[in-house]
Amino acid sequence: MNAPLRHEPAQIGPATAGPVLSVSGLAMSFGANDVLQGVDFTVHTGIATALIGANGSGKSTAMKCLIRLVEPTGGRIELLGRDVLTLGNRDLRRFRSQVGMVWQRHNLVPRLSALTNVLHGMQSRASGPRTWFQSLARAEARAEALACLARVGLSEKALQRVDSLSGGQQQRVAIARMLMQRPRVILADEPDASLDPQSGEEVMRLLASLAREDGLTLIFISHRMEHTLAFSDHILGLQGGRIVMNRRTTETDADQLRRFFDRSDRPAHG
């Protein structure tokens, strides 16, 4: 039987490290639909932050705005010391290479091996055929990709096609590919959503552990209350396009989160 989930605070806290992310007045509209309405929050270096809220509350939109996969209609975003909304196309591409994304869908190439898919993570910092296939990769790149697979517990699956792996294993390959970027920040949009409860817990535990080991900042979206409590240091709650909860996880319990979701679980505009 699995041990109960337990919150493990990050090694770097807000008292000892400055903000890696500052968001102020963030707004996003789709036509007349105001998805985000003046969102303000700060995330400190090395902290694991859970972004929670009901479906349609604007969580995924807010996360995509952080690296301009969606263009905000107003506000300011400062991430990794850069004013994100002023970056030109070339600088934006370079900037994004420092931010690892983990999605609900794994976005892997099904017919290729796990190792080749992980090598694709190099494309944010290198280009050319040597990043396309394992047979063309330089020895040092192959070694790094194999090390990333080892960190997610999939060394023995390196040469298998990813479409032969389970959903949880595929998400681990996606995480290894993200590590190949050598990111400074990890953004994870419900990485456990398409997985069974056990695999989902394993993936979240892995992400939190990797971030803690490397001193990375982790911002994740989750609908699972137990994962919010177990794997975050700080909680941001979105409701109606605004931040209505902003507190440390150690100051929050399951009943408070349950009341938040009860209050926010209503038809939304985002």
Protein backbone atom coordinates (compact mmCIF):
# COMPACT_ATOMS: atom_id res chain seq x y z
CA MET A 1 0.00 0.00 0.00
CA ASN A 2 1.31 3.45 -0.90
CA ALA A 3 2.34 5.72 1.94
CA PRO A 4 0.03 8.71 2.42
CA LEU A 5 1.00 11.88 0.62
CA ARG A 6 3.02 14.25 2.77
CA HIS A 7 4.03 17.83 2.10
CA GLU A 8 7.80 18.25 1.77
CA PRO A 9 8.75 21.94 1.84
CA ALA A 10 11.18 23.22 -0.77
CA GLN A 11 14.74 23.89 0.33
CA ILE A 12 14.64 27.51 -0.84
CA GLY A 13 11.96 29.73 0.67
CA PRO A 14 10.66 33.23 0.10
CA ALA A 15 12.58 34.52 3.07
CA THR A 16 15.93 33.56 1.46
CA ALA A 17 15.36 34.03 -2.27
CA GLY A 18 13.94 36.75 -4.47
CA PRO A 19 11.06 36.44 -6.90
CA VAL A 20 11.58 34.52 -10.12
CA LEU A 21 8.17 35.65 -11.37
CA SER A 22 6.16 38.81 -10.79
CA VAL A 23 2.76 39.26 -12.41
CA SER A 24 0.76 42.48 -12.09
CA GLY A 25 -2.54 43.51 -13.63
CA LEU A 26 -2.57 40.53 -15.99
CA ALA A 27 -5.64 40.67 -18.23
CA MET A 28 -6.78 38.45 -21.05
CA SER A 29 -9.95 38.74 -23.11
CA PHE A 30 -11.35 36.67 -25.94
CA GLY A 31 -13.75 39.10 -27.55
CA ALA A 32 -16.23 40.12 -24.85
CA ASN A 33 -15.11 37.25 -22.61
CA ASP A 34 -12.80 38.56 -19.85
CA VAL A 35 -10.86 35.44 -18.87
CA LEU A 36 -8.32 37.21 -16.62
CA GLN A 37 -9.13 40.47 -14.84
CA GLY A 38 -6.14 42.10 -13.20
CA VAL A 39 -4.25 39.06 -11.87
CA ASP A 40 -1.41 39.83 -9.44
CA PHE A 41 0.99 37.36 -7.81
CA THR A 42 4.65 36.66 -7.12
CA VAL A 43 6.53 33.36 -7.16
CA HIS A 44 9.88 33.01 -5.38
CA THR A 45 12.89 31.08 -6.60
CA GLY A 46 12.86 27.36 -5.83
CA ILE A 47 9.25 27.34 -4.65
CA ALA A 48 6.63 24.83 -5.83
CA THR A 49 3.39 26.74 -6.47
CA ALA A 50 0.00 25.19 -7.18
CA LEU A 51 -2.41 27.18 -9.34
CA ILE A 52 -5.92 25.95 -8.63
CA GLY A 53 -9.49 26.81 -9.56
CA ALA A 54 -12.62 25.44 -11.20
CA ASN A 55 -12.79 24.61 -14.89
CA GLY A 56 -12.87 27.85 -16.84
CA SER A 57 -11.32 29.95 -14.09
CA GLY A 58 -8.40 30.97 -16.34
CA LYS A 59 -5.62 28.77 -14.95
CA SER A 60 -4.30 27.43 -18.25
CA THR A 61 -4.69 30.81 -19.92
CA ALA A 62 -2.68 32.47 -17.16
CA MET A 63 0.08 29.87 -17.46
CA LYS A 64 0.27 30.24 -21.25
CA CYS A 65 0.45 34.02 -20.87
CA LEU A 66 3.65 33.64 -18.81
CA ILE A 67 5.61 32.69 -21.93
CA ARG A 68 3.23 34.31 -24.44
CA LEU A 69 1.77 31.18 -25.93
CA VAL A 70 -1.30 33.37 -25.45
CA GLU A 71 -0.85 37.12 -25.80
CA PRO A 72 -2.25 39.04 -22.79
CA THR A 73 -4.40 42.07 -23.42
CA GLY A 74 -2.94 43.94 -20.46
CA GLY A 75 -0.61 43.80 -17.47
CA ARG A 76 3.04 43.06 -16.83
CA ILE A 77 4.98 39.79 -16.53
CA GLU A 78 8.55 39.67 -15.30
CA LEU A 79 10.01 36.15 -15.42
CA LEU A 80 13.66 35.24 -14.90
CA GLY A 81 14.48 38.93 -14.83
CA ARG A 82 12.96 39.63 -18.25
CA ASP A 83 9.99 41.79 -19.12
CA VAL A 84 8.24 39.07 -21.09
CA LEU A 85 5.72 41.26 -22.89
CA THR A 86 8.43 43.42 -24.49
CA LEU A 87 10.52 40.59 -25.97
CA GLY A 88 10.89 40.44 -29.75
CA ASN A 89 10.42 37.13 -31.56
CA ARG A 90 14.07 36.07 -31.50
CA ASP A 91 14.57 36.95 -27.83
CA LEU A 92 11.26 35.29 -26.96
CA ARG A 93 12.40 31.99 -28.53
CA ARG A 94 15.65 32.11 -26.56
CA PHE A 95 13.79 33.02 -23.40
CA ARG A 96 11.36 30.11 -23.76
CA SER A 97 14.27 27.66 -23.84
CA GLN A 98 14.78 28.39 -20.12
CA VAL A 99 11.20 27.37 -19.28
CA GLY A 100 10.28 23.68 -19.35
CA MET A 101 6.65 22.86 -20.14
CA VAL A 102 4.83 19.67 -19.17
CA TRP A 103 1.33 19.31 -20.63
CA GLN A 104 -1.65 17.01 -20.10
CA ARG A 105 -0.89 15.54 -23.51
CA HIS A 106 2.62 14.24 -23.84
CA ASN A 107 3.25 15.64 -27.36
CA LEU A 108 5.76 12.90 -28.13
CA VAL A 109 6.52 11.40 -31.55
CA PRO A 110 4.82 7.98 -31.17
CA ARG A 111 6.87 5.99 -33.69
CA LEU A 112 10.24 7.14 -32.35
CA SER A 113 12.15 5.77 -29.39
CA ALA A 114 12.11 7.25 -25.91
CA LEU A 115 15.75 8.25 -26.35
CA THR A 116 15.11 10.12 -29.60
CA ASN A 117 12.13 11.92 -28.08
CA VAL A 118 14.30 13.06 -25.18
CA LEU A 119 17.00 14.27 -27.58
CA HIS A 120 14.36 16.52 -29.13
CA GLY A 121 14.56 18.57 -25.93
CA MET A 122 17.91 19.86 -27.19
CA GLN A 123 16.23 21.72 -30.02
CA SER A 124 15.67 24.71 -27.75
CA ARG A 125 19.46 25.15 -27.44
CA ALA A 126 20.79 23.48 -30.60
CA SER A 127 19.56 22.83 -34.12
CA GLY A 128 20.21 20.49 -37.01
CA PRO A 129 19.85 16.77 -37.77
CA ARG A 130 21.88 15.73 -34.72
CA THR A 131 18.85 16.52 -32.56
CA TRP A 132 16.41 14.59 -34.75
CA PHE A 133 17.42 10.94 -34.19
CA GLN A 134 19.49 9.01 -31.67
CA SER A 135 21.64 7.52 -34.45
CA LEU A 136 22.79 11.00 -35.50
CA ALA A 137 23.31 12.50 -32.05
CA ARG A 138 26.72 13.31 -30.66
CA ALA A 139 27.99 10.96 -27.96
CA GLU A 140 27.73 13.62 -25.25
CA ALA A 141 24.14 14.43 -26.24
CA ARG A 142 23.17 10.75 -26.14
CA ALA A 143 24.79 10.42 -22.72
CA GLU A 144 22.88 13.42 -21.41
CA ALA A 145 19.59 12.10 -22.81
CA LEU A 146 20.22 8.70 -21.22
CA ALA A 147 20.97 10.44 -17.91
CA CYS A 148 17.64 12.31 -18.16
CA LEU A 149 15.84 9.01 -18.77
CA ALA A 150 17.63 7.51 -15.78
CA ARG A 151 16.41 10.36 -13.58
CA VAL A 152 12.80 9.51 -14.46
CA GLY A 153 13.38 5.77 -13.98
CA LEU A 154 13.23 4.72 -17.64
CA SER A 155 16.80 3.76 -18.58
CA GLU A 156 15.69 0.30 -19.65
CA LYS A 157 13.04 1.78 -22.00
CA ALA A 158 15.44 4.06 -23.91
CA LEU A 159 15.25 2.19 -27.22
CA GLN A 160 11.54 1.37 -27.10
CA ARG A 161 9.02 3.24 -29.23
CA VAL A 162 7.03 5.54 -27.01
CA ASP A 163 3.71 4.26 -28.35
CA SER A 164 4.54 0.93 -26.69
CA LEU A 165 4.79 2.59 -23.25
CA SER A 166 2.04 3.17 -20.71
CA GLY A 167 0.53 6.63 -20.22
CA GLY A 168 2.53 7.20 -17.05
CA GLN A 169 5.76 6.12 -18.75
CA GLN A 170 5.06 8.44 -21.69
CA GLN A 171 4.61 11.36 -19.31
CA ARG A 172 7.96 10.45 -17.74
CA VAL A 173 9.58 10.55 -21.19
CA ALA A 174 8.04 14.00 -21.67
CA ILE A 175 9.54 15.08 -18.33
CA ALA A 176 12.96 13.71 -19.37
CA ARG A 177 12.67 15.65 -22.65
CA MET A 178 11.91 18.79 -20.62
CA LEU A 179 15.01 18.17 -18.45
CA MET A 180 17.06 17.99 -21.65
CA GLN A 181 16.29 21.71 -22.10
CA ARG A 182 18.15 22.44 -18.83
CA PRO A 183 15.29 24.73 -17.71
CA ARG A 184 15.31 27.15 -14.81
CA VAL A 185 11.53 27.12 -14.36
CA ILE A 186 9.01 24.30 -14.89
CA LEU A 187 5.41 25.03 -15.88
CA ALA A 188 3.16 21.97 -15.61
CA ASP A 189 -0.47 22.14 -16.80
CA GLU A 190 -2.30 19.26 -15.11
CA PRO A 191 0.44 16.70 -15.89
CA ASP A 192 -1.56 14.09 -13.97
CA ALA A 193 -4.94 14.71 -15.63
CA SER A 194 -4.89 11.88 -18.18
CA LEU A 195 -3.39 9.32 -15.81
CA ASP A 196 -4.83 6.87 -13.31
CA PRO A 197 -4.50 7.95 -9.66
CA GLN A 198 -1.36 5.92 -8.94
CA SER A 199 0.47 7.03 -12.09
CA GLY A 200 -0.66 10.60 -11.52
CA GLU A 201 0.74 10.60 -8.01
CA GLU A 202 4.02 9.12 -9.24
CA VAL A 203 4.37 11.80 -11.93
CA MET A 204 3.65 14.63 -9.49
CA ARG A 205 6.05 13.20 -6.91
CA LEU A 206 8.72 12.93 -9.62
CA LEU A 207 8.24 16.52 -10.80
CA ALA A 208 8.39 17.89 -7.25
CA SER A 209 11.48 15.81 -6.47
CA LEU A 210 13.34 16.85 -9.63
CA ALA A 211 12.55 20.52 -9.05
CA ARG A 212 13.74 20.29 -5.45
CA GLU A 213 16.95 18.45 -6.37
CA ASP A 214 17.88 20.99 -9.05
CA GLY A 215 16.67 24.09 -7.18
CA LEU A 216 14.12 24.82 -9.91
CA THR A 217 10.92 26.80 -9.58
CA LEU A 218 7.83 24.67 -10.24
CA ILE A 219 4.39 26.09 -11.05
CA PHE A 220 1.75 23.45 -11.61
CA ILE A 221 -1.98 23.30 -12.25
CA SER A 222 -3.93 20.46 -10.63
CA HIS A 223 -7.54 19.60 -9.92
CA ARG A 224 -6.50 17.03 -7.32
CA MET A 225 -6.71 18.50 -3.86
CA GLU A 226 -4.37 15.88 -2.39
CA HIS A 227 -1.66 16.76 -4.93
CA THR A 228 -2.02 20.46 -4.15
CA LEU A 229 -1.43 19.80 -0.47
CA ALA A 230 1.34 17.22 -0.96
CA PHE A 231 3.51 18.81 -3.62
CA SER A 232 3.24 22.59 -3.30
CA ASP A 233 4.79 25.15 -0.98
CA HIS A 234 2.35 27.88 -1.97
CA ILE A 235 -1.20 27.94 -3.34
CA LEU A 236 -2.76 30.46 -5.72
CA GLY A 237 -6.52 30.16 -6.23
CA LEU A 238 -8.23 31.67 -9.29
CA GLN A 239 -11.92 32.47 -9.36
CA GLY A 240 -13.72 34.60 -11.93
CA GLY A 241 -10.44 35.60 -13.53
CA ARG A 242 -8.93 36.94 -10.28
CA ILE A 243 -6.64 35.60 -7.54
CA VAL A 244 -8.82 35.01 -4.47
CA MET A 245 -6.46 32.68 -2.56
CA ASN A 246 -2.78 33.38 -2.01
CA ARG A 247 -1.28 31.46 0.92
CA ARG A 248 1.37 29.02 2.06
CA THR A 249 0.46 25.36 1.84
CA THR A 250 1.47 24.79 5.46
CA GLU A 251 -1.26 27.27 6.45
CA THR A 252 -3.92 25.44 4.41
CA ASP A 253 -5.85 22.25 5.08
CA ALA A 254 -8.17 20.01 3.08
CA ASP A 255 -11.34 21.62 4.49
CA GLN A 256 -10.21 25.08 3.38
CA LEU A 257 -9.44 23.80 -0.11
CA ARG A 258 -12.76 21.97 -0.26
CA ARG A 259 -14.60 25.18 0.63
CA PHE A 260 -12.64 27.05 -2.03
CA PHE A 261 -13.62 24.56 -4.73
CA ASP A 262 -17.23 24.52 -3.54
CA ARG A 263 -17.32 28.30 -3.79
CA SER A 264 -15.60 28.49 -7.17
CA ASP A 265 -17.34 25.56 -8.86
CA ARG A 266 -19.85 27.55 -10.82
CA PRO A 267 -20.29 28.56 -14.46
CA ALA A 268 -17.31 30.76 -15.32
CA HIS A 269 -16.40 33.10 -18.11
CA GLY A 270 -12.84 31.89 -18.71
